[in-house]
Amino acid sequence: MDDNVTVINHPLIAHKLTLMRRKTASTQKFRSLLREIAHLLTYEITRDLELTTERIETPLEEMDAPRLAGKKLCFVSILRAGNGLLEGMVELLPSARVGHIGMFRDPESLEAVEYYCKVPADIGERRVIVVDPMLATGNSAIAALTHLKKQGARQIKFLCLLAAPEGVAALREAHPDVPVFTAALDERLDEHGYIRPGLGDAGDRMYGTK
């Protein structure tokens, strides 16, 4: 595995992901588990955030206490499924700025088609975490990262729930400077571009649209 690809191996994440994979999981349960996993993934992907110190007064005495330094984070959700991870991440870091990129996958070509983009004007000054539950073919992620770089983003990470080896390889080839973080690396893509064994279509399961 590429050194720039991290599979976040944590018992709580593995357990919750198993519950999500079950085809009997309700829309409510799926959405709730995705939000919970987002908390855990955010904890891991932000380990390298820079800190400074601030002089504060506790109930007992003054101290130099750590706090996040400088311009902080921007989370960019690849619509629509990315919002499932985004909700949990914003709960953990409510001060983060948020951007959205609307993509859909053409069912014939499997290529990504962009229909919307709105990101903070100062995105080039922030650490950017792009989120999408599924890294399947990689086409949507590649297109989103290309667009964000054109907007000035320089410090970018990509976070997903599940990844297929084919999607990881495609993303690493197109954007070798972008670290990839995932909760699990599954076996393969099928002929329809779905991750196997996977968990189905994350957006449909999250919103109950299928």
Protein backbone atom coordinates (compact mmCIF):
# COMPACT_ATOMS: atom_id res chain seq x y z
CA MET A 1 0.00 0.00 0.00
CA ASP A 2 1.17 3.54 -0.82
CA ASP A 3 2.57 5.40 2.19
CA ASN A 4 0.16 8.22 1.37
CA VAL A 5 -2.88 5.97 1.85
CA THR A 6 -4.02 5.36 5.43
CA VAL A 7 -6.56 2.73 6.42
CA ILE A 8 -7.78 3.90 9.83
CA ASN A 9 -7.75 0.69 11.82
CA HIS A 10 -9.84 1.15 14.97
CA PRO A 11 -12.15 -1.42 16.63
CA LEU A 12 -15.03 1.03 17.04
CA ILE A 13 -14.87 2.07 13.40
CA ALA A 14 -14.70 -1.56 12.22
CA HIS A 15 -17.69 -2.52 14.38
CA LYS A 16 -19.86 0.41 13.32
CA LEU A 17 -18.96 -0.14 9.67
CA THR A 18 -20.13 -3.76 9.94
CA LEU A 19 -23.47 -2.55 11.26
CA MET A 20 -23.73 -0.15 8.31
CA ARG A 21 -22.93 -2.85 5.75
CA ARG A 22 -25.89 -4.99 6.80
CA LYS A 23 -28.65 -4.71 4.22
CA THR A 24 -31.20 -4.74 7.04
CA ALA A 25 -29.88 -1.48 8.54
CA SER A 26 -32.62 1.15 8.43
CA THR A 27 -32.14 4.60 6.92
CA GLN A 28 -32.14 6.12 10.39
CA LYS A 29 -29.58 3.60 11.68
CA PHE A 30 -27.35 4.02 8.63
CA ARG A 31 -27.37 7.81 8.96
CA SER A 32 -26.68 7.67 12.70
CA LEU A 33 -23.77 5.25 12.31
CA LEU A 34 -22.24 7.32 9.52
CA ARG A 35 -22.30 10.39 11.77
CA GLU A 36 -20.69 8.44 14.62
CA ILE A 37 -17.95 7.06 12.36
CA ALA A 38 -17.35 10.59 11.05
CA HIS A 39 -16.43 11.68 14.59
CA LEU A 40 -13.85 8.91 14.85
CA LEU A 41 -12.41 9.52 11.37
CA THR A 42 -12.12 13.25 12.04
CA TYR A 43 -10.20 12.54 15.22
CA GLU A 44 -7.65 10.53 13.24
CA ILE A 45 -7.31 12.75 10.18
CA THR A 46 -6.69 15.90 12.26
CA ARG A 47 -3.82 14.51 14.33
CA ASP A 48 -1.30 16.77 12.61
CA LEU A 49 -3.10 20.09 13.16
CA GLU A 50 -0.75 22.79 14.39
CA LEU A 51 -1.10 24.13 17.91
CA THR A 52 -0.13 27.35 19.66
CA THR A 53 -0.54 28.34 23.30
CA GLU A 54 -2.82 30.82 24.97
CA ARG A 55 -2.53 32.25 28.46
CA ILE A 56 -5.72 31.35 30.33
CA GLU A 57 -6.92 31.30 33.90
CA THR A 58 -8.35 28.10 35.32
CA PRO A 59 -10.39 28.14 38.54
CA LEU A 60 -7.09 27.55 40.35
CA GLU A 61 -4.32 29.41 38.49
CA GLU A 62 -3.03 30.74 35.19
CA MET A 63 -1.45 28.46 32.59
CA ASP A 64 -0.26 28.34 28.99
CA ALA A 65 -2.87 26.11 27.32
CA PRO A 66 -2.82 24.64 23.79
CA ARG A 67 -5.22 25.76 21.10
CA LEU A 68 -5.43 25.41 17.32
CA ALA A 69 -3.14 27.80 15.47
CA GLY A 70 -3.86 30.18 12.62
CA LYS A 71 -6.32 29.57 9.81
CA LYS A 72 -8.19 26.41 10.53
CA LEU A 73 -10.04 23.85 8.47
CA CYS A 74 -12.33 23.72 5.50
CA PHE A 75 -14.43 20.61 4.94
CA VAL A 76 -15.58 20.11 1.35
CA SER A 77 -18.43 17.67 0.80
CA ILE A 78 -18.92 15.93 -2.53
CA LEU A 79 -22.70 16.03 -2.84
CA ARG A 80 -24.85 14.42 -1.95
CA ALA A 81 -23.48 11.49 0.01
CA GLY A 82 -20.58 13.50 1.40
CA ASN A 83 -22.99 15.37 3.64
CA GLY A 84 -23.43 12.25 5.75
CA LEU A 85 -19.79 12.43 6.84
CA LEU A 86 -19.84 16.22 6.89
CA GLU A 87 -22.55 16.41 9.57
CA GLY A 88 -20.49 14.42 12.05
CA MET A 89 -17.29 16.30 11.25
CA VAL A 90 -18.90 19.71 11.79
CA GLU A 91 -20.31 18.53 15.12
CA LEU A 92 -16.74 17.87 16.23
CA LEU A 93 -15.23 21.03 14.69
CA PRO A 94 -18.04 23.60 14.45
CA SER A 95 -15.65 26.44 13.58
CA ALA A 96 -14.58 24.78 10.30
CA ARG A 97 -15.63 26.43 7.06
CA VAL A 98 -17.64 24.29 4.69
CA GLY A 99 -17.68 23.96 0.91
CA HIS A 100 -19.77 21.82 -1.43
CA ILE A 101 -19.09 20.31 -4.82
CA GLY A 102 -22.02 18.74 -6.64
CA MET A 103 -21.10 15.68 -8.68
CA PHE A 104 -23.08 12.85 -10.20
CA ARG A 105 -21.79 9.76 -11.94
CA ASP A 106 -22.93 9.20 -15.50
CA PRO A 107 -24.43 5.70 -15.42
CA GLU A 108 -23.04 4.80 -18.84
CA SER A 109 -19.53 6.24 -18.84
CA LEU A 110 -19.11 6.27 -15.02
CA GLU A 111 -17.46 9.68 -15.48
CA ALA A 112 -18.12 12.49 -12.98
CA VAL A 113 -20.34 15.39 -14.05
CA GLU A 114 -20.11 18.57 -11.98
CA TYR A 115 -23.26 20.66 -11.45
CA TYR A 116 -22.42 22.85 -8.43
CA CYS A 117 -19.45 24.30 -6.57
CA LYS A 118 -19.28 26.74 -3.65
CA VAL A 119 -16.19 27.00 -1.45
CA PRO A 120 -14.75 29.68 0.89
CA ALA A 121 -12.86 32.48 -0.83
CA ASP A 122 -9.82 31.91 1.39
CA ILE A 123 -9.62 28.18 0.72
CA GLY A 124 -5.98 28.54 -0.30
CA GLU A 125 -5.13 29.58 3.27
CA ARG A 126 -6.88 26.64 4.94
CA ARG A 127 -6.30 22.94 5.39
CA VAL A 128 -8.90 21.23 3.24
CA ILE A 129 -10.48 17.85 3.89
CA VAL A 130 -12.58 16.56 0.98
CA VAL A 131 -15.19 14.02 2.06
CA ASP A 132 -17.19 11.38 0.19
CA PRO A 133 -18.24 8.06 1.74
CA MET A 134 -17.28 5.98 -1.28
CA LEU A 135 -14.07 6.02 -3.33
CA ALA A 136 -15.14 3.67 -6.12
CA THR A 137 -13.88 4.52 -9.62
CA GLY A 138 -12.25 7.65 -8.22
CA ASN A 139 -13.67 9.84 -10.99
CA SER A 140 -15.73 12.11 -8.74
CA ALA A 141 -12.90 12.55 -6.24
CA ILE A 142 -10.38 13.29 -8.99
CA ALA A 143 -12.66 15.89 -10.59
CA ALA A 144 -13.37 17.52 -7.23
CA LEU A 145 -9.70 17.73 -6.28
CA THR A 146 -8.78 19.15 -9.68
CA HIS A 147 -11.44 21.84 -9.29
CA LEU A 148 -10.35 22.72 -5.74
CA LYS A 149 -6.74 23.12 -6.83
CA LYS A 150 -7.91 25.55 -9.53
CA GLN A 151 -9.69 27.46 -6.75
CA GLY A 152 -6.36 27.79 -4.92
CA ALA A 153 -6.47 24.90 -2.43
CA ARG A 154 -2.99 23.68 -1.58
CA GLN A 155 -3.19 21.59 1.59
CA ILE A 156 -5.71 18.85 0.80
CA LYS A 157 -6.60 15.47 2.26
CA PHE A 158 -9.27 13.08 1.03
CA LEU A 159 -11.45 11.17 3.50
CA CYS A 160 -13.84 8.33 2.69
CA LEU A 161 -15.62 5.50 4.46
CA LEU A 162 -14.93 2.77 1.90
CA ALA A 163 -12.41 2.56 -0.93
CA ALA A 164 -11.83 0.17 -3.81
CA PRO A 165 -8.26 -0.57 -4.91
CA GLU A 166 -9.07 0.72 -8.40
CA GLY A 167 -10.30 4.05 -7.04
CA VAL A 168 -7.30 4.47 -4.78
CA ALA A 169 -4.92 3.76 -7.67
CA ALA A 170 -6.69 6.24 -9.96
CA LEU A 171 -6.72 8.98 -7.32
CA ARG A 172 -3.06 8.45 -6.42
CA GLU A 173 -2.07 8.66 -10.09
CA ALA A 174 -4.05 11.86 -10.70
CA HIS A 175 -3.24 13.57 -7.39
CA PRO A 176 -0.19 11.95 -5.78
CA ASP A 177 0.17 14.90 -3.39
CA VAL A 178 -3.22 14.29 -1.72
CA PRO A 179 -3.17 11.82 1.21
CA VAL A 180 -6.09 9.38 1.27
CA PHE A 181 -7.73 8.25 4.51
CA THR A 182 -10.34 5.49 4.61
CA ALA A 183 -12.04 3.29 7.16
CA ALA A 184 -11.73 0.19 4.95
CA LEU A 185 -10.19 -0.93 1.68
CA ASP A 186 -12.57 -3.41 0.04
CA GLU A 187 -11.85 -6.09 -2.55
CA ARG A 188 -12.79 -4.68 -5.95
CA LEU A 189 -15.19 -2.82 -8.23
CA ASP A 190 -17.87 -4.69 -10.12
CA GLU A 191 -18.90 -4.05 -13.74
CA HIS A 192 -21.33 -1.33 -12.61
CA GLY A 193 -18.69 0.60 -10.68
CA TYR A 194 -19.91 -0.48 -7.23
CA ILE A 195 -17.51 -1.36 -4.43
CA ARG A 196 -17.62 -5.06 -3.47
CA PRO A 197 -18.50 -6.27 -0.89
CA GLY A 198 -19.32 -2.65 -0.10
CA LEU A 199 -22.53 -1.40 1.43
CA GLY A 200 -24.56 -0.37 -1.60
CA ASP A 201 -25.19 3.23 -2.65
CA ALA A 202 -24.35 5.40 0.37
CA GLY A 203 -26.54 8.29 -0.75
CA ASP A 204 -29.59 6.11 -1.34
CA ARG A 205 -29.16 4.32 1.97
CA MET A 206 -28.60 7.56 3.86
CA TYR A 207 -31.61 9.37 2.42
CA GLY A 208 -33.93 6.41 1.82
CA THR A 209 -34.25 7.14 -1.89
CA LYS A 210 -34.02 3.55 -3.10
